């Protein structure tokens, strides 16, 4: 990964920076939704600074398709690589940032598993082995947005340029968190399928200590019909969960697995003083950080709502949260 700096998520260690704390973690997320809404892809890459190890996920979902997941919650980063590169049996993935531009390239060749019931990823993960490949590009189209309660003026203990400043207690363990709307283009391979993507997407960057995002934390991003990006983040916004982490209502009893559409909104969030309903299109829980037993619930959702002046601020996008 080449240099870079600033709040667009590309900041790196400056010359003379203090050595990284071994308990500091850093994570990048890359989300995209196909222009026709038929499928969506999310990639997450993390590292535990000072250990040479991290975690990886790639998941592909859609309303009428099985969830395909590649996940390794404890994988070695390639030593000496200038990028975020991961190699393990059945997995090669590489992530490069162009200095100063915020442009990221995301590549992968891996074997994942197709799951009728995506919640099985937290269990025995029985499913059909599925080859996955990606050659995708994320380019920012707006200024980055900082998550409320993450770092800010109170300090950034996980900031690579200064890992020792106290952090913000609003989101415990998260010192910095940024999100930026992007355009996404490139090729996605899923089994025998080949998808050329030219669509909207989101890139995120978090750093801090412990699990990145405490229990109950919720984040979501989508683009409205007017082309405006909406980003939501709340330390206590996640729905109440069932014992396996699935929100009440995720088990619809249709026999089609938990990726069947849930008719009623899973939750309602307050966006700029107006109510926005979040209806899950497809679930995709993953494991992210083995060092902290990280379980992360993600999914593709349809956001519906109107501003105070009646303008539609809905859209289709990704959400993620830590189960309670």
C-alpha atoms as a PDB file:
ATOM      1  CA  UNK A   1       0.000   0.000   0.000  1.00  0.00           C
ATOM      2  CA  UNK A   2       1.481   3.274  -1.056  1.00  0.00           C
ATOM      3  CA  UNK A   3       1.597   6.403   1.085  1.00  0.00           C
ATOM      4  CA  UNK A   4      -1.309   8.727   1.583  1.00  0.00           C
ATOM      5  CA  UNK A   5      -2.674  10.736   4.429  1.00  0.00           C
ATOM      6  CA  UNK A   6      -5.676  12.591   5.685  1.00  0.00           C
ATOM      7  CA  UNK A   7      -9.181  11.630   6.585  1.00  0.00           C
ATOM      8  CA  UNK A   8     -10.050   9.621   3.469  1.00  0.00           C
ATOM      9  CA  UNK A   9      -9.021   6.374   5.109  1.00  0.00           C
ATOM     10  CA  UNK A  10      -5.644   6.112   3.370  1.00  0.00           C
ATOM     11  CA  UNK A  11      -3.532   7.412   6.257  1.00  0.00           C
ATOM     12  CA  UNK A  12      -0.359   5.478   6.848  1.00  0.00           C
ATOM     13  CA  UNK A  13       2.534   5.612   9.288  1.00  0.00           C
ATOM     14  CA  UNK A  14       4.398   8.917   8.831  1.00  0.00           C
ATOM     15  CA  UNK A  15       8.183   9.058   9.224  1.00  0.00           C
ATOM     16  CA  UNK A  16       9.157   8.934  12.887  1.00  0.00           C
ATOM     17  CA  UNK A  17       5.743   7.685  14.066  1.00  0.00           C
ATOM     18  CA  UNK A  18       5.564   5.870  17.376  1.00  0.00           C
ATOM     19  CA  UNK A  19       5.641   2.052  17.104  1.00  0.00           C
ATOM     20  CA  UNK A  20       2.112   0.604  16.753  1.00  0.00           C
ATOM     21  CA  UNK A  21       0.493  -0.814  19.845  1.00  0.00           C
ATOM     22  CA  UNK A  22      -0.041  -4.573  19.411  1.00  0.00           C
ATOM     23  CA  UNK A  23      -3.638  -4.277  20.646  1.00  0.00           C
ATOM     24  CA  UNK A  24      -4.534  -1.730  17.953  1.00  0.00           C
ATOM     25  CA  UNK A  25      -6.677  -3.058  15.131  1.00  0.00           C
ATOM     26  CA  UNK A  26      -7.470  -1.537  11.758  1.00  0.00           C
ATOM     27  CA  UNK A  27     -10.170  -2.509   9.276  1.00  0.00           C
ATOM     28  CA  UNK A  28     -11.199  -1.488   5.761  1.00  0.00           C
ATOM     29  CA  UNK A  29     -14.582  -2.371   4.251  1.00  0.00           C
ATOM     30  CA  UNK A  30     -15.633  -2.250   0.599  1.00  0.00           C
ATOM     31  CA  UNK A  31     -19.340  -2.523  -0.259  1.00  0.00           C
ATOM     32  CA  UNK A  32     -21.136  -2.427  -3.609  1.00  0.00           C
ATOM     33  CA  UNK A  33     -24.681  -2.985  -4.879  1.00  0.00           C
ATOM     34  CA  UNK A  34     -25.256  -3.894  -8.536  1.00  0.00           C
ATOM     35  CA  UNK A  35     -27.098  -1.227 -10.528  1.00  0.00           C
ATOM     36  CA  UNK A  36     -30.138  -3.493 -10.961  1.00  0.00           C
ATOM     37  CA  UNK A  37     -30.119  -4.493  -7.272  1.00  0.00           C
ATOM     38  CA  UNK A  38     -29.843  -8.189  -8.123  1.00  0.00           C
ATOM     39  CA  UNK A  39     -26.732  -8.793  -6.039  1.00  0.00           C
ATOM     40  CA  UNK A  40     -24.345  -7.066  -3.676  1.00  0.00           C
ATOM     41  CA  UNK A  41     -20.782  -7.708  -2.576  1.00  0.00           C
ATOM     42  CA  UNK A  42     -18.918  -6.773   0.596  1.00  0.00           C
ATOM     43  CA  UNK A  43     -15.217  -7.200   1.332  1.00  0.00           C
ATOM     44  CA  UNK A  44     -13.645  -6.677   4.733  1.00  0.00           C
ATOM     45  CA  UNK A  45      -9.929  -6.719   5.504  1.00  0.00           C
ATOM     46  CA  UNK A  46      -8.351  -6.173   8.886  1.00  0.00           C
ATOM     47  CA  UNK A  47      -5.059  -6.333  10.667  1.00  0.00           C
ATOM     48  CA  UNK A  48      -3.857  -6.400  14.236  1.00  0.00           C
ATOM     49  CA  UNK A  49      -1.008  -3.945  14.148  1.00  0.00           C
ATOM     50  CA  UNK A  50       2.283  -5.327  15.335  1.00  0.00           C
ATOM     51  CA  UNK A  51       1.239  -8.980  14.976  1.00  0.00           C
ATOM     52  CA  UNK A  52       1.467  -9.529  11.221  1.00  0.00           C
ATOM     53  CA  UNK A  53      -1.984 -11.145  11.278  1.00  0.00           C
ATOM     54  CA  UNK A  54      -5.503 -10.055  10.460  1.00  0.00           C
ATOM     55  CA  UNK A  55      -8.846 -11.208   9.073  1.00  0.00           C
ATOM     56  CA  UNK A  56     -10.700 -11.324   5.775  1.00  0.00           C
ATOM     57  CA  UNK A  57     -14.200 -11.754   4.422  1.00  0.00           C
ATOM     58  CA  UNK A  58     -15.852 -11.541   1.025  1.00  0.00           C
ATOM     59  CA  UNK A  59     -19.574 -12.134   0.745  1.00  0.00           C
ATOM     60  CA  UNK A  60     -22.023 -12.025  -2.161  1.00  0.00           C
ATOM     61  CA  UNK A  61     -25.761 -11.838  -1.513  1.00  0.00           C
ATOM     62  CA  UNK A  62     -29.040 -11.162  -3.297  1.00  0.00           C
ATOM     63  CA  UNK A  63     -32.767 -11.490  -2.757  1.00  0.00           C
ATOM     64  CA  UNK A  64     -33.119 -14.682  -4.793  1.00  0.00           C
ATOM     65  CA  UNK A  65     -29.744 -16.318  -4.367  1.00  0.00           C
ATOM     66  CA  UNK A  66     -27.790 -18.228  -1.766  1.00  0.00           C
ATOM     67  CA  UNK A  67     -25.261 -16.334   0.285  1.00  0.00           C
ATOM     68  CA  UNK A  68     -21.687 -17.034  -0.839  1.00  0.00           C
ATOM     69  CA  UNK A  69     -19.038 -16.382   1.817  1.00  0.00           C
ATOM     70  CA  UNK A  70     -15.259 -16.464   1.955  1.00  0.00           C
ATOM     71  CA  UNK A  71     -14.075 -15.902   5.510  1.00  0.00           C
ATOM     72  CA  UNK A  72     -10.853 -16.303   7.491  1.00  0.00           C
ATOM     73  CA  UNK A  73     -10.872 -14.644  10.929  1.00  0.00           C
ATOM     74  CA  UNK A  74      -7.159 -15.274  11.529  1.00  0.00           C
ATOM     75  CA  UNK A  75      -4.924 -15.027   8.475  1.00  0.00           C
ATOM     76  CA  UNK A  76      -1.325 -13.894   7.994  1.00  0.00           C
ATOM     77  CA  UNK A  77      -0.552 -10.776   5.987  1.00  0.00           C
ATOM     78  CA  UNK A  78       2.072 -11.315   3.314  1.00  0.00           C
ATOM     79  CA  UNK A  79       5.382 -10.233   4.849  1.00  0.00           C
ATOM     80  CA  UNK A  80       7.125  -7.402   3.014  1.00  0.00           C
ATOM     81  CA  UNK A  81       4.150  -6.610   0.788  1.00  0.00           C
ATOM     82  CA  UNK A  82       3.534  -2.942  -0.019  1.00  0.00           C
ATOM     83  CA  UNK A  83      -0.195  -3.627  -0.018  1.00  0.00           C
ATOM     84  CA  UNK A  84      -2.704  -5.412   2.187  1.00  0.00           C
ATOM     85  CA  UNK A  85      -2.138  -8.902   0.801  1.00  0.00           C
ATOM     86  CA  UNK A  86      -3.393 -12.156   2.316  1.00  0.00           C
ATOM     87  CA  UNK A  87      -2.402 -15.697   1.338  1.00  0.00           C
ATOM     88  CA  UNK A  88      -3.791 -18.871   2.853  1.00  0.00           C
ATOM     89  CA  UNK A  89      -5.028 -22.241   1.557  1.00  0.00           C
ATOM     90  CA  UNK A  90      -7.871 -21.448  -0.830  1.00  0.00           C
ATOM     91  CA  UNK A  91      -7.395 -17.687  -0.459  1.00  0.00           C
ATOM     92  CA  UNK A  92      -5.429 -14.955  -2.196  1.00  0.00           C
ATOM     93  CA  UNK A  93      -6.548 -11.356  -1.803  1.00  0.00           C
ATOM     94  CA  UNK A  94      -4.827  -8.041  -2.400  1.00  0.00           C
ATOM     95  CA  UNK A  95      -5.889  -4.442  -1.690  1.00  0.00           C
ATOM     96  CA  UNK A  96      -4.049  -1.382  -2.987  1.00  0.00           C
ATOM     97  CA  UNK A  97      -4.603   2.303  -2.362  1.00  0.00           C
ATOM     98  CA  UNK A  98      -3.378   5.013  -4.732  1.00  0.00           C
ATOM     99  CA  UNK A  99      -1.685   7.745  -2.706  1.00  0.00           C
ATOM    100  CA  UNK A 100      -3.771  10.851  -2.203  1.00  0.00           C
ATOM    101  CA  UNK A 101      -6.618   9.909  -4.581  1.00  0.00           C
ATOM    102  CA  UNK A 102      -8.620   7.579  -2.357  1.00  0.00           C
ATOM    103  CA  UNK A 103      -8.766   5.055  -5.224  1.00  0.00           C
ATOM    104  CA  UNK A 104      -8.627   1.431  -4.089  1.00  0.00           C
ATOM    105  CA  UNK A 105      -8.255  -1.739  -6.123  1.00  0.00           C
ATOM    106  CA  UNK A 106      -9.581  -4.951  -4.589  1.00  0.00           C
ATOM    107  CA  UNK A 107      -8.627  -8.353  -5.998  1.00  0.00           C
ATOM    108  CA  UNK A 108      -9.372 -11.887  -4.865  1.00  0.00           C
ATOM    109  CA  UNK A 109      -9.113 -15.513  -5.958  1.00  0.00           C
ATOM    110  CA  UNK A 110     -10.639 -17.795  -3.376  1.00  0.00           C
ATOM    111  CA  UNK A 111     -12.904 -20.695  -2.553  1.00  0.00           C
ATOM    112  CA  UNK A 112     -15.912 -19.938  -0.419  1.00  0.00           C
ATOM    113  CA  UNK A 113     -19.115 -21.719   0.489  1.00  0.00           C
ATOM    114  CA  UNK A 114     -22.692 -21.250  -0.723  1.00  0.00           C
ATOM    115  CA  UNK A 115     -25.095 -21.274   2.213  1.00  0.00           C
ATOM    116  CA  UNK A 116     -28.852 -21.629   2.052  1.00  0.00           C
ATOM    117  CA  UNK A 117     -28.817 -20.586   5.698  1.00  0.00           C
ATOM    118  CA  UNK A 118     -26.206 -17.809   6.039  1.00  0.00           C
ATOM    119  CA  UNK A 119     -26.256 -18.040   9.867  1.00  0.00           C
ATOM    120  CA  UNK A 120     -24.456 -21.380   9.489  1.00  0.00           C
ATOM    121  CA  UNK A 121     -21.241 -19.402   8.994  1.00  0.00           C
ATOM    122  CA  UNK A 122     -21.176 -19.130  12.801  1.00  0.00           C
ATOM    123  CA  UNK A 123     -21.644 -22.884  13.098  1.00  0.00           C
ATOM    124  CA  UNK A 124     -20.512 -25.793  10.932  1.00  0.00           C
ATOM    125  CA  UNK A 125     -20.894 -23.837   7.665  1.00  0.00           C
ATOM    126  CA  UNK A 126     -22.111 -26.781   5.595  1.00  0.00           C
ATOM    127  CA  UNK A 127     -22.661 -25.781   1.987  1.00  0.00           C
ATOM    128  CA  UNK A 128     -21.407 -26.123  -1.563  1.00  0.00           C
ATOM    129  CA  UNK A 129     -17.784 -25.097  -2.249  1.00  0.00           C
ATOM    130  CA  UNK A 130     -17.864 -22.116  -4.601  1.00  0.00           C
ATOM    131  CA  UNK A 131     -15.049 -20.354  -6.447  1.00  0.00           C
ATOM    132  CA  UNK A 132     -15.037 -16.565  -6.120  1.00  0.00           C
ATOM    133  CA  UNK A 133     -12.946 -14.014  -7.990  1.00  0.00           C
ATOM    134  CA  UNK A 134     -12.879 -10.229  -7.896  1.00  0.00           C
ATOM    135  CA  UNK A 135     -11.090  -7.458  -9.762  1.00  0.00           C
ATOM    136  CA  UNK A 136     -12.872  -4.333  -8.554  1.00  0.00           C
ATOM    137  CA  UNK A 137     -12.114  -0.612  -8.149  1.00  0.00           C
ATOM    138  CA  UNK A 138     -13.542   1.877  -5.626  1.00  0.00           C
ATOM    139  CA  UNK A 139     -13.335   5.633  -6.433  1.00  0.00           C
ATOM    140  CA  UNK A 140     -14.686   8.261  -3.993  1.00  0.00           C
ATOM    141  CA  UNK A 141     -17.370  10.679  -5.199  1.00  0.00           C
ATOM    142  CA  UNK A 142     -17.796  12.692  -1.989  1.00  0.00           C
ATOM    143  CA  UNK A 143     -15.878  13.880   1.046  1.00  0.00           C
ATOM    144  CA  UNK A 144     -15.448  11.243   3.781  1.00  0.00           C
ATOM    145  CA  UNK A 145     -17.923  11.289   6.670  1.00  0.00           C
ATOM    146  CA  UNK A 146     -16.737  10.607  10.226  1.00  0.00           C
ATOM    147  CA  UNK A 147     -18.883   8.325  12.368  1.00  0.00           C
ATOM    148  CA  UNK A 148     -20.381  10.145  15.365  1.00  0.00           C
ATOM    149  CA  UNK A 149     -18.534   9.410  18.583  1.00  0.00           C
ATOM    150  CA  UNK A 150     -15.459   7.959  16.895  1.00  0.00           C
ATOM    151  CA  UNK A 151     -12.290   9.784  17.832  1.00  0.00           C
ATOM    152  CA  UNK A 152     -12.757  13.316  16.593  1.00  0.00           C
ATOM    153  CA  UNK A 153     -11.333  16.040  18.811  1.00  0.00           C
ATOM    154  CA  UNK A 154     -11.118  13.684  21.795  1.00  0.00           C
ATOM    155  CA  UNK A 155      -8.263  11.716  20.274  1.00  0.00           C
ATOM    156  CA  UNK A 156      -7.426   8.616  18.252  1.00  0.00           C
ATOM    157  CA  UNK A 157      -5.652   5.836  20.160  1.00  0.00           C
ATOM    158  CA  UNK A 158      -5.648   3.653  17.068  1.00  0.00           C
ATOM    159  CA  UNK A 159      -4.616   6.422  14.697  1.00  0.00           C
ATOM    160  CA  UNK A 160      -1.503   5.041  12.976  1.00  0.00           C
ATOM    161  CA  UNK A 161       0.192   8.413  13.374  1.00  0.00           C
ATOM    162  CA  UNK A 162      -0.392   8.563  17.140  1.00  0.00           C
ATOM    163  CA  UNK A 163      -1.497   5.335  18.858  1.00  0.00           C
ATOM    164  CA  UNK A 164      -1.253   6.612  22.430  1.00  0.00           C
ATOM    165  CA  UNK A 165      -3.846   9.400  22.666  1.00  0.00           C
ATOM    166  CA  UNK A 166      -6.970   8.560  24.744  1.00  0.00           C
ATOM    167  CA  UNK A 167     -10.110   7.923  22.762  1.00  0.00           C
ATOM    168  CA  UNK A 168     -13.763   8.803  22.722  1.00  0.00           C
ATOM    169  CA  UNK A 169     -15.926   6.710  25.086  1.00  0.00           C
ATOM    170  CA  UNK A 170     -19.025   7.116  22.889  1.00  0.00           C
ATOM    171  CA  UNK A 171     -17.979   4.122  20.760  1.00  0.00           C
ATOM    172  CA  UNK A 172     -15.727   2.064  23.033  1.00  0.00           C
ATOM    173  CA  UNK A 173     -12.631   0.744  21.308  1.00  0.00           C
ATOM    174  CA  UNK A 174     -13.208   2.738  18.121  1.00  0.00           C
ATOM    175  CA  UNK A 175     -10.833   5.664  17.824  1.00  0.00           C
ATOM    176  CA  UNK A 176     -11.562   6.597  14.228  1.00  0.00           C
ATOM    177  CA  UNK A 177     -14.220   5.615  11.696  1.00  0.00           C
ATOM    178  CA  UNK A 178     -14.780   7.113   8.263  1.00  0.00           C
ATOM    179  CA  UNK A 179     -17.160   6.282   5.416  1.00  0.00           C
ATOM    180  CA  UNK A 180     -17.196   7.585   1.857  1.00  0.00           C
ATOM    181  CA  UNK A 181     -19.560   7.031  -1.086  1.00  0.00           C
ATOM    182  CA  UNK A 182     -17.891   5.653  -4.206  1.00  0.00           C
ATOM    183  CA  UNK A 183     -18.401   4.443  -7.719  1.00  0.00           C
ATOM    184  CA  UNK A 184     -17.423   0.806  -8.219  1.00  0.00           C
ATOM    185  CA  UNK A 185     -16.479  -0.940 -11.428  1.00  0.00           C
ATOM    186  CA  UNK A 186     -14.857  -4.193 -12.429  1.00  0.00           C
ATOM    187  CA  UNK A 187     -15.490  -7.922 -12.585  1.00  0.00           C
ATOM    188  CA  UNK A 188     -16.957 -10.286 -10.012  1.00  0.00           C
ATOM    189  CA  UNK A 189     -16.908 -14.069 -10.526  1.00  0.00           C
ATOM    190  CA  UNK A 190     -19.161 -16.348  -8.468  1.00  0.00           C
ATOM    191  CA  UNK A 191     -18.994 -20.002  -9.477  1.00  0.00           C
ATOM    192  CA  UNK A 192     -19.870 -20.098 -13.187  1.00  0.00           C
ATOM    193  CA  UNK A 193     -21.349 -16.572 -13.056  1.00  0.00           C
ATOM    194  CA  UNK A 194     -19.525 -13.528 -14.409  1.00  0.00           C
ATOM    195  CA  UNK A 195     -20.780 -10.077 -13.387  1.00  0.00           C
ATOM    196  CA  UNK A 196     -19.521  -6.777 -14.800  1.00  0.00           C
ATOM    197  CA  UNK A 197     -20.205  -4.144 -12.159  1.00  0.00           C
ATOM    198  CA  UNK A 198     -20.600  -0.422 -12.763  1.00  0.00           C
ATOM    199  CA  UNK A 199     -22.486   0.769  -9.731  1.00  0.00           C
ATOM    200  CA  UNK A 200     -22.613   2.601  -6.414  1.00  0.00           C
ATOM    201  CA  UNK A 201     -20.560   1.514  -3.439  1.00  0.00           C
ATOM    202  CA  UNK A 202     -19.133   2.575  -0.102  1.00  0.00           C
ATOM    203  CA  UNK A 203     -15.698   2.343   1.452  1.00  0.00           C
ATOM    204  CA  UNK A 204     -15.075   2.438   5.189  1.00  0.00           C
ATOM    205  CA  UNK A 205     -12.042   2.602   7.480  1.00  0.00           C
ATOM    206  CA  UNK A 206     -11.943   2.003  11.225  1.00  0.00           C
ATOM    207  CA  UNK A 207      -9.185   1.770  13.794  1.00  0.00           C
ATOM    208  CA  UNK A 208      -9.012   1.363  17.527  1.00  0.00           C
ATOM    209  CA  UNK A 209      -8.450  -1.186  20.267  1.00  0.00           C
ATOM    210  CA  UNK A 210     -10.332  -4.397  20.893  1.00  0.00           C
ATOM    211  CA  UNK A 211     -13.362  -5.269  18.761  1.00  0.00           C
ATOM    212  CA  UNK A 212     -14.005  -2.566  16.153  1.00  0.00           C
ATOM    213  CA  UNK A 213     -17.552  -1.659  17.098  1.00  0.00           C
ATOM    214  CA  UNK A 214     -19.069  -2.585  20.446  1.00  0.00           C
ATOM    215  CA  UNK A 215     -22.152  -4.700  21.079  1.00  0.00           C
ATOM    216  CA  UNK A 216     -25.218  -2.916  19.720  1.00  0.00           C
ATOM    217  CA  UNK A 217     -23.303  -0.638  17.342  1.00  0.00           C
ATOM    218  CA  UNK A 218     -25.009  -0.180  13.939  1.00  0.00           C
ATOM    219  CA  UNK A 219     -23.824   1.402  10.682  1.00  0.00           C
ATOM    220  CA  UNK A 220     -25.539   1.703   7.304  1.00  0.00           C
ATOM    221  CA  UNK A 221     -25.004   3.520   4.008  1.00  0.00           C
ATOM    222  CA  UNK A 222     -27.081   3.943   0.874  1.00  0.00           C
ATOM    223  CA  UNK A 223     -27.705   6.326  -2.030  1.00  0.00           C
ATOM    224  CA  UNK A 224     -31.069   8.055  -2.430  1.00  0.00           C
ATOM    225  CA  UNK A 225     -33.040   8.437  -5.695  1.00  0.00           C
ATOM    226  CA  UNK A 226     -31.762  12.020  -5.912  1.00  0.00           C
ATOM    227  CA  UNK A 227     -28.158  10.807  -5.838  1.00  0.00           C
ATOM    228  CA  UNK A 228     -27.424  11.877  -2.278  1.00  0.00           C
ATOM    229  CA  UNK A 229     -25.402   9.574  -0.034  1.00  0.00           C
ATOM    230  CA  UNK A 230     -26.783   8.796   3.405  1.00  0.00           C
ATOM    231  CA  UNK A 231     -24.560   7.390   6.148  1.00  0.00           C
ATOM    232  CA  UNK A 232     -25.898   6.291   9.512  1.00  0.00           C
ATOM    233  CA  UNK A 233     -23.930   5.234  12.587  1.00  0.00           C
ATOM    234  CA  UNK A 234     -25.179   4.785  16.143  1.00  0.00           C
ATOM    235  CA  UNK A 235     -23.502   3.184  19.181  1.00  0.00           C
ATOM    236  CA  UNK A 236     -26.813   1.648  20.321  1.00  0.00           C
ATOM    237  CA  UNK A 237     -28.839   1.272  17.143  1.00  0.00           C
ATOM    238  CA  UNK A 238     -28.811  -2.494  16.563  1.00  0.00           C
ATOM    239  CA  UNK A 239     -31.968  -4.608  16.946  1.00  0.00           C
ATOM    240  CA  UNK A 240     -32.379  -7.042  19.803  1.00  0.00           C
ATOM    241  CA  UNK A 241     -31.028 -10.451  18.836  1.00  0.00           C
ATOM    242  CA  UNK A 242     -32.118 -14.032  19.256  1.00  0.00           C
ATOM    243  CA  UNK A 243     -29.658 -16.453  20.944  1.00  0.00           C
ATOM    244  CA  UNK A 244     -27.810 -17.163  17.683  1.00  0.00           C
ATOM    245  CA  UNK A 245     -27.415 -13.475  16.937  1.00  0.00           C
ATOM    246  CA  UNK A 246     -30.209 -13.363  14.376  1.00  0.00           C
ATOM    247  CA  UNK A 247     -32.714 -10.557  15.001  1.00  0.00           C
ATOM    248  CA  UNK A 248     -36.245 -11.554  15.915  1.00  0.00           C
ATOM    249  CA  UNK A 249     -38.098 -12.252  12.666  1.00  0.00           C
ATOM    250  CA  UNK A 250     -35.078 -13.512  10.727  1.00  0.00           C
ATOM    251  CA  UNK A 251     -36.440 -17.055  10.935  1.00  0.00           C
ATOM    252  CA  UNK A 252     -39.407 -16.833   8.615  1.00  0.00           C
ATOM    253  CA  UNK A 253     -40.379 -20.533   8.608  1.00  0.00           C
ATOM    254  CA  UNK A 254     -40.630 -20.778   4.819  1.00  0.00           C
ATOM    255  CA  UNK A 255     -38.017 -23.498   4.505  1.00  0.00           C
ATOM    256  CA  UNK A 256     -35.996 -21.246   2.194  1.00  0.00           C
ATOM    257  CA  UNK A 257     -33.419 -20.393   4.822  1.00  0.00           C
ATOM    258  CA  UNK A 258     -32.864 -17.130   6.634  1.00  0.00           C
ATOM    259  CA  UNK A 259     -32.057 -15.225   3.447  1.00  0.00           C
ATOM    260  CA  UNK A 260     -35.738 -15.127   2.568  1.00  0.00           C
ATOM    261  CA  UNK A 261     -37.060 -11.582   2.641  1.00  0.00           C
ATOM    262  CA  UNK A 262     -38.474 -10.535   5.997  1.00  0.00           C
ATOM    263  CA  UNK A 263     -41.749  -8.785   5.288  1.00  0.00           C
ATOM    264  CA  UNK A 264     -41.706  -6.386   8.229  1.00  0.00           C
ATOM    265  CA  UNK A 265     -38.889  -3.873   8.740  1.00  0.00           C
ATOM    266  CA  UNK A 266     -36.234  -5.256  11.080  1.00  0.00           C
ATOM    267  CA  UNK A 267     -35.721  -1.881  12.674  1.00  0.00           C
ATOM    268  CA  UNK A 268     -36.420   1.798  12.349  1.00  0.00           C
ATOM    269  CA  UNK A 269     -33.655   4.378  12.594  1.00  0.00           C
ATOM    270  CA  UNK A 270     -33.838   8.113  13.192  1.00  0.00           C
ATOM    271  CA  UNK A 271     -32.138   9.854  10.284  1.00  0.00           C
ATOM    272  CA  UNK A 272     -32.000  13.643  10.549  1.00  0.00           C
ATOM    273  CA  UNK A 273     -35.087  13.653  12.732  1.00  0.00           C
ATOM    274  CA  UNK A 274     -37.157  11.474  10.391  1.00  0.00           C
ATOM    275  CA  UNK A 275     -37.931   7.763  10.631  1.00  0.00           C
ATOM    276  CA  UNK A 276     -36.266   5.404   8.166  1.00  0.00           C
ATOM    277  CA  UNK A 277     -37.349   1.767   7.965  1.00  0.00           C
ATOM    278  CA  UNK A 278     -34.760  -0.913   7.250  1.00  0.00           C
ATOM    279  CA  UNK A 279     -36.105  -4.008   5.496  1.00  0.00           C
ATOM    280  CA  UNK A 280     -33.604  -6.847   5.098  1.00  0.00           C
ATOM    281  CA  UNK A 281     -33.246  -8.210   1.567  1.00  0.00           C
ATOM    282  CA  UNK A 282     -30.495 -10.729   2.370  1.00  0.00           C
ATOM    283  CA  UNK A 283     -28.519 -11.589   5.510  1.00  0.00           C
ATOM    284  CA  UNK A 284     -24.762 -12.165   5.588  1.00  0.00           C
ATOM    285  CA  UNK A 285     -23.219 -12.643   9.042  1.00  0.00           C
ATOM    286  CA  UNK A 286     -19.442 -13.083   9.133  1.00  0.00           C
ATOM    287  CA  UNK A 287     -16.558 -13.642  11.525  1.00  0.00           C
ATOM    288  CA  UNK A 288     -14.036 -10.842  11.486  1.00  0.00           C
ATOM    289  CA  UNK A 289     -11.431 -10.785  14.285  1.00  0.00           C
ATOM    290  CA  UNK A 290     -10.528 -14.120  15.873  1.00  0.00           C
ATOM    291  CA  UNK A 291      -8.423 -12.404  18.532  1.00  0.00           C
ATOM    292  CA  UNK A 292     -11.594 -10.802  19.867  1.00  0.00           C
ATOM    293  CA  UNK A 293     -14.115 -13.539  18.924  1.00  0.00           C
ATOM    294  CA  UNK A 294     -15.671 -11.046  16.521  1.00  0.00           C
ATOM    295  CA  UNK A 295     -19.136 -11.768  15.202  1.00  0.00           C
ATOM    296  CA  UNK A 296     -20.521  -9.249  12.761  1.00  0.00           C
ATOM    297  CA  UNK A 297     -24.044  -9.231  11.311  1.00  0.00           C
ATOM    298  CA  UNK A 298     -24.273  -7.740   7.835  1.00  0.00           C
ATOM    299  CA  UNK A 299     -26.813  -7.647   5.081  1.00  0.00           C
ATOM    300  CA  UNK A 300     -28.325  -5.983   2.065  1.00  0.00           C
ATOM    301  CA  UNK A 301     -31.289  -3.818   3.013  1.00  0.00           C
ATOM    302  CA  UNK A 302     -33.943  -1.606   1.489  1.00  0.00           C
ATOM    303  CA  UNK A 303     -34.164   1.739   3.283  1.00  0.00           C
ATOM    304  CA  UNK A 304     -37.478   3.573   3.014  1.00  0.00           C
ATOM    305  CA  UNK A 305     -38.461   6.978   4.336  1.00  0.00           C
ATOM    306  CA  UNK A 306     -39.042  10.628   3.483  1.00  0.00           C
ATOM    307  CA  UNK A 307     -37.471  13.858   4.627  1.00  0.00           C
ATOM    308  CA  UNK A 308     -39.529  16.445   6.470  1.00  0.00           C
ATOM    309  CA  UNK A 309     -40.312  18.086   3.113  1.00  0.00           C
ATOM    310  CA  UNK A 310     -41.533  14.794   1.631  1.00  0.00           C
ATOM    311  CA  UNK A 311     -38.468  13.987  -0.485  1.00  0.00           C
ATOM    312  CA  UNK A 312     -37.749  10.255  -0.735  1.00  0.00           C
ATOM    313  CA  UNK A 313     -34.482   9.453   1.054  1.00  0.00           C
ATOM    314  CA  UNK A 314     -34.662   5.680   0.637  1.00  0.00           C
ATOM    315  CA  UNK A 315     -32.387   3.347  -1.260  1.00  0.00           C
ATOM    316  CA  UNK A 316     -30.640  -0.017  -1.331  1.00  0.00           C
ATOM    317  CA  UNK A 317     -27.423  -0.535   0.618  1.00  0.00           C
ATOM    318  CA  UNK A 318     -25.410  -2.479   3.168  1.00  0.00           C
ATOM    319  CA  UNK A 319     -25.802  -2.414   6.944  1.00  0.00           C
ATOM    320  CA  UNK A 320     -23.735  -4.040   9.710  1.00  0.00           C
ATOM    321  CA  UNK A 321     -23.895  -4.346  13.464  1.00  0.00           C
ATOM    322  CA  UNK A 322     -22.549  -6.194  16.470  1.00  0.00           C
ATOM    323  CA  UNK A 323     -25.196  -8.566  17.881  1.00  0.00           C
ATOM    324  CA  UNK A 324     -26.209  -7.942  21.463  1.00  0.00           C
END
